[in-house]
């Protein structure tokens, strides 16, 4: 009879015992998850710290959740658990830019996950750890398309970000991250304003003072 791994975890926690087999820290349960994955997504900092102390711990395997294959680091960013992300990033074996790809499909990066979780502390930690700020996610967008406030824009733009990257929004129509945030409406006003400041600093004054620019922003906000 299959045993629910969640029940084992609860029983072990109540008894003050490890929630995993110390002789096989990489053992997968019936859901194909390891103790490190379970501890990371549930925010169990002590278990994560103990597991990372094992010399043979596997950090960079892929796990399926929410129709996405990704590493423990990605899922710690996605849920999110900042302290666990910090522990993972400090481990010498971590591969901060590892993503699932099969030639035609690439999963989101851990930076995409942090942006979508709107966690500025994790975004900053990932950038400091050398994450690829121009990684193209499953939706063909870079993390810049998923900025959620002015500070997230500033952090990205302090790195070697490609602000002019375009993705196909509709057949035959490509847009930049700036245009995408304009189309999102008033909920992203601070993002748009910060990106305008960035472009002005780059000397793109003519574009932002033109009637075409004013008309574009106005049209986007009325239609979207």
Protein backbone atom coordinates (compact mmCIF):
# COMPACT_ATOMS: atom_id res chain seq x y z
CA UNK A 1 0.00 0.00 0.00
CA UNK A 2 1.52 3.36 -0.96
CA UNK A 3 2.31 5.61 1.99
CA UNK A 4 1.67 9.34 1.72
CA UNK A 5 5.08 11.06 2.08
CA UNK A 6 3.33 14.07 3.64
CA UNK A 7 2.15 11.83 6.50
CA UNK A 8 5.71 10.58 7.03
CA UNK A 9 6.97 14.18 7.18
CA UNK A 10 4.37 15.19 9.77
CA UNK A 11 5.02 12.11 11.92
CA UNK A 12 8.79 12.67 11.81
CA UNK A 13 8.41 16.34 12.70
CA UNK A 14 6.21 15.50 15.69
CA UNK A 15 8.75 12.95 16.91
CA UNK A 16 11.66 15.36 16.42
CA UNK A 17 13.26 13.13 13.79
CA UNK A 18 14.60 13.96 10.31
CA UNK A 19 11.92 13.91 7.61
CA UNK A 20 14.22 11.99 5.28
CA UNK A 21 16.48 8.93 5.15
CA UNK A 22 19.94 10.15 6.20
CA UNK A 23 21.45 7.21 4.28
CA UNK A 24 19.95 8.35 0.98
CA UNK A 25 19.36 12.10 0.93
CA UNK A 26 18.55 12.03 -2.80
CA UNK A 27 15.86 9.35 -2.61
CA UNK A 28 12.73 10.18 -4.61
CA UNK A 29 9.26 9.56 -3.20
CA UNK A 30 6.25 8.27 -5.15
CA UNK A 31 5.71 11.80 -6.46
CA UNK A 32 9.30 11.81 -7.74
CA UNK A 33 10.38 14.49 -5.23
CA UNK A 34 13.50 14.45 -3.06
CA UNK A 35 13.76 15.52 0.61
CA UNK A 36 15.53 18.71 -0.49
CA UNK A 37 12.70 19.67 -2.81
CA UNK A 38 10.03 19.00 -0.18
CA UNK A 39 11.91 20.96 2.47
CA UNK A 40 12.63 23.89 0.14
CA UNK A 41 9.09 24.39 -1.15
CA UNK A 42 7.63 24.06 2.37
CA UNK A 43 10.03 26.58 3.84
CA UNK A 44 11.74 24.19 6.26
CA UNK A 45 15.00 26.06 6.71
CA UNK A 46 16.54 23.69 9.26
CA UNK A 47 16.00 20.64 7.03
CA UNK A 48 17.42 22.45 4.00
CA UNK A 49 20.51 23.47 5.98
CA UNK A 50 21.06 19.91 7.21
CA UNK A 51 20.56 18.41 3.75
CA UNK A 52 22.99 20.85 2.16
CA UNK A 53 25.64 19.67 4.62
CA UNK A 54 25.65 16.23 2.97
CA UNK A 55 28.53 15.91 0.52
CA UNK A 56 26.52 13.92 -2.05
CA UNK A 57 23.42 16.12 -2.05
CA UNK A 58 22.06 16.72 -5.55
CA UNK A 59 21.12 20.38 -6.01
CA UNK A 60 20.42 20.76 -9.69
CA UNK A 61 17.91 18.05 -10.59
CA UNK A 62 14.60 18.96 -12.24
CA UNK A 63 11.19 18.59 -10.59
CA UNK A 64 7.74 18.82 -12.14
CA UNK A 65 5.22 21.17 -10.54
CA UNK A 66 2.59 23.50 -12.06
CA UNK A 67 3.39 21.98 -15.49
CA UNK A 68 6.97 23.20 -15.21
CA UNK A 69 10.27 21.30 -14.95
CA UNK A 70 12.69 23.28 -12.82
CA UNK A 71 15.35 23.02 -10.12
CA UNK A 72 14.99 23.38 -6.35
CA UNK A 73 16.38 26.92 -6.63
CA UNK A 74 13.62 27.86 -9.06
CA UNK A 75 10.91 26.51 -6.77
CA UNK A 76 12.38 28.23 -3.73
CA UNK A 77 12.18 31.47 -5.73
CA UNK A 78 8.69 30.74 -7.00
CA UNK A 79 6.95 30.08 -3.68
CA UNK A 80 9.05 32.11 -2.36
CA UNK A 81 11.44 31.42 0.56
CA UNK A 82 14.21 34.02 0.74
CA UNK A 83 16.29 32.37 3.47
CA UNK A 84 16.30 29.05 1.61
CA UNK A 85 17.26 30.79 -1.64
CA UNK A 86 20.20 32.31 0.23
CA UNK A 87 21.32 28.90 1.53
CA UNK A 88 21.13 27.41 -1.96
CA UNK A 89 23.01 30.29 -3.58
CA UNK A 90 25.86 29.97 -1.09
CA UNK A 91 26.37 26.28 -1.88
CA UNK A 92 29.39 25.71 -4.18
CA UNK A 93 27.52 23.15 -6.33
CA UNK A 94 24.56 25.36 -7.22
CA UNK A 95 23.99 26.13 -10.90
CA UNK A 96 22.09 29.40 -10.80
CA UNK A 97 21.32 29.45 -14.54
CA UNK A 98 20.35 25.80 -15.03
CA UNK A 99 17.03 25.41 -16.86
CA UNK A 100 15.13 22.61 -18.54
CA UNK A 101 15.27 22.69 -22.32
CA UNK A 102 14.44 20.16 -25.03
CA UNK A 103 15.52 22.15 -28.07
CA UNK A 104 12.18 23.83 -28.77
CA UNK A 105 11.14 24.65 -25.21
CA UNK A 106 12.98 26.34 -22.37
CA UNK A 107 11.51 26.76 -18.90
CA UNK A 108 11.59 30.05 -17.03
CA UNK A 109 14.74 30.94 -15.13
CA UNK A 110 14.86 31.38 -11.36
CA UNK A 111 14.91 35.15 -12.00
CA UNK A 112 11.62 34.86 -13.89
CA UNK A 113 10.25 33.00 -10.86
CA UNK A 114 11.39 35.71 -8.45
CA UNK A 115 9.89 38.43 -10.65
CA UNK A 116 6.56 36.63 -10.87
CA UNK A 117 6.61 36.15 -7.09
CA UNK A 118 7.32 39.89 -6.71
CA UNK A 119 10.09 39.28 -4.18
CA UNK A 120 12.68 42.05 -4.45
CA UNK A 121 15.08 40.46 -1.93
CA UNK A 122 15.35 37.29 -4.00
CA UNK A 123 15.71 39.28 -7.22
CA UNK A 124 18.66 41.15 -5.71
CA UNK A 125 20.28 37.96 -4.38
CA UNK A 126 20.03 36.24 -7.77
CA UNK A 127 21.56 39.17 -9.63
CA UNK A 128 24.43 39.33 -7.12
CA UNK A 129 24.94 35.58 -7.68
CA UNK A 130 25.38 36.10 -11.43
CA UNK A 131 22.01 35.03 -12.80
CA UNK A 132 21.44 35.59 -16.53
CA UNK A 133 19.35 38.78 -16.62
CA UNK A 134 18.60 38.27 -20.33
CA UNK A 135 17.35 34.68 -20.12
CA UNK A 136 14.35 34.07 -22.39
CA UNK A 137 11.54 32.20 -20.64
CA UNK A 138 8.86 29.85 -21.88
CA UNK A 139 6.74 32.83 -22.99
CA UNK A 140 9.69 34.16 -25.02
CA UNK A 141 10.09 37.08 -22.62
CA UNK A 142 13.08 38.17 -20.56
CA UNK A 143 12.76 39.00 -16.82
CA UNK A 144 12.45 42.69 -17.72
CA UNK A 145 8.96 41.94 -19.08
CA UNK A 146 7.94 40.77 -15.60
CA UNK A 147 9.24 43.68 -13.49
CA UNK A 148 6.77 44.59 -10.77
CA UNK A 149 8.07 47.88 -9.35
CA UNK A 150 10.66 50.60 -9.98
CA UNK A 151 13.29 48.92 -7.80
CA UNK A 152 13.11 45.70 -9.83
CA UNK A 153 13.74 47.73 -12.99
CA UNK A 154 16.72 49.48 -11.36
CA UNK A 155 18.23 46.17 -10.24
CA UNK A 156 17.98 44.67 -13.71
CA UNK A 157 19.30 47.76 -15.42
CA UNK A 158 22.31 47.83 -13.10
CA UNK A 159 23.36 44.65 -14.91
CA UNK A 160 24.06 44.08 -18.59
CA UNK A 161 20.37 44.07 -19.49
CA UNK A 162 19.08 44.11 -23.06
CA UNK A 163 16.33 46.73 -22.82
CA UNK A 164 15.62 46.58 -26.57
CA UNK A 165 14.83 42.85 -26.78
CA UNK A 166 11.51 42.24 -28.54
CA UNK A 167 9.09 39.34 -28.35
CA UNK A 168 6.16 38.48 -30.60
CA UNK A 169 3.02 39.67 -28.79
CA UNK A 170 0.68 38.94 -31.69
CA UNK A 171 1.44 37.42 -35.10
CA UNK A 172 3.60 39.93 -36.91
CA UNK A 173 3.72 42.36 -33.98
CA UNK A 174 6.80 42.44 -31.76
CA UNK A 175 7.03 44.55 -28.62
CA UNK A 176 9.68 45.56 -26.10
CA UNK A 177 9.36 45.23 -22.33
CA UNK A 178 8.64 48.97 -22.16
CA UNK A 179 5.75 48.62 -24.59
CA UNK A 180 4.41 45.61 -22.70
CA UNK A 181 4.35 47.51 -19.41
CA UNK A 182 2.61 50.44 -21.10
CA UNK A 183 -0.06 48.03 -22.30
CA UNK A 184 -0.56 46.69 -18.78
CA UNK A 185 -2.20 49.95 -17.79
CA UNK A 186 -1.99 51.99 -14.62
CA UNK A 187 -1.01 49.04 -12.40
CA UNK A 188 2.56 49.40 -13.69
CA UNK A 189 2.93 53.18 -13.64
CA UNK A 190 6.10 53.09 -11.52
CA UNK A 191 7.68 50.51 -13.84
CA UNK A 192 6.89 52.60 -16.92
CA UNK A 193 8.19 55.77 -15.28
CA UNK A 194 11.45 54.09 -14.29
CA UNK A 195 11.92 52.69 -17.79
CA UNK A 196 11.30 56.14 -19.27
CA UNK A 197 14.00 57.54 -16.97
CA UNK A 198 16.33 54.77 -18.11
CA UNK A 199 15.74 55.55 -21.78
CA UNK A 200 16.11 59.29 -21.17
CA UNK A 201 19.46 58.59 -19.49
CA UNK A 202 20.45 56.72 -22.64
CA UNK A 203 19.76 59.85 -24.69
CA UNK A 204 16.46 58.78 -26.25
CA UNK A 205 14.88 62.19 -25.64
CA UNK A 206 13.48 62.62 -29.15
CA UNK A 207 11.34 59.47 -28.95
CA UNK A 208 9.81 60.38 -25.60
CA UNK A 209 9.04 63.94 -26.61
CA UNK A 210 7.38 62.93 -29.86
CA UNK A 211 3.65 62.87 -30.56
CA UNK A 212 4.01 59.24 -31.69
CA UNK A 213 5.19 58.23 -28.23
CA UNK A 214 2.36 60.06 -26.47
CA UNK A 215 -0.18 58.55 -28.86
CA UNK A 216 1.27 55.05 -28.35
CA UNK A 217 1.00 55.15 -24.56
CA UNK A 218 -2.47 56.66 -24.70
CA UNK A 219 -3.70 54.03 -27.17
CA UNK A 220 -2.22 51.17 -25.11
CA UNK A 221 -3.89 52.30 -21.91
CA UNK A 222 -7.25 52.78 -23.55
CA UNK A 223 -7.26 49.41 -25.30
CA UNK A 224 -5.63 47.23 -22.68
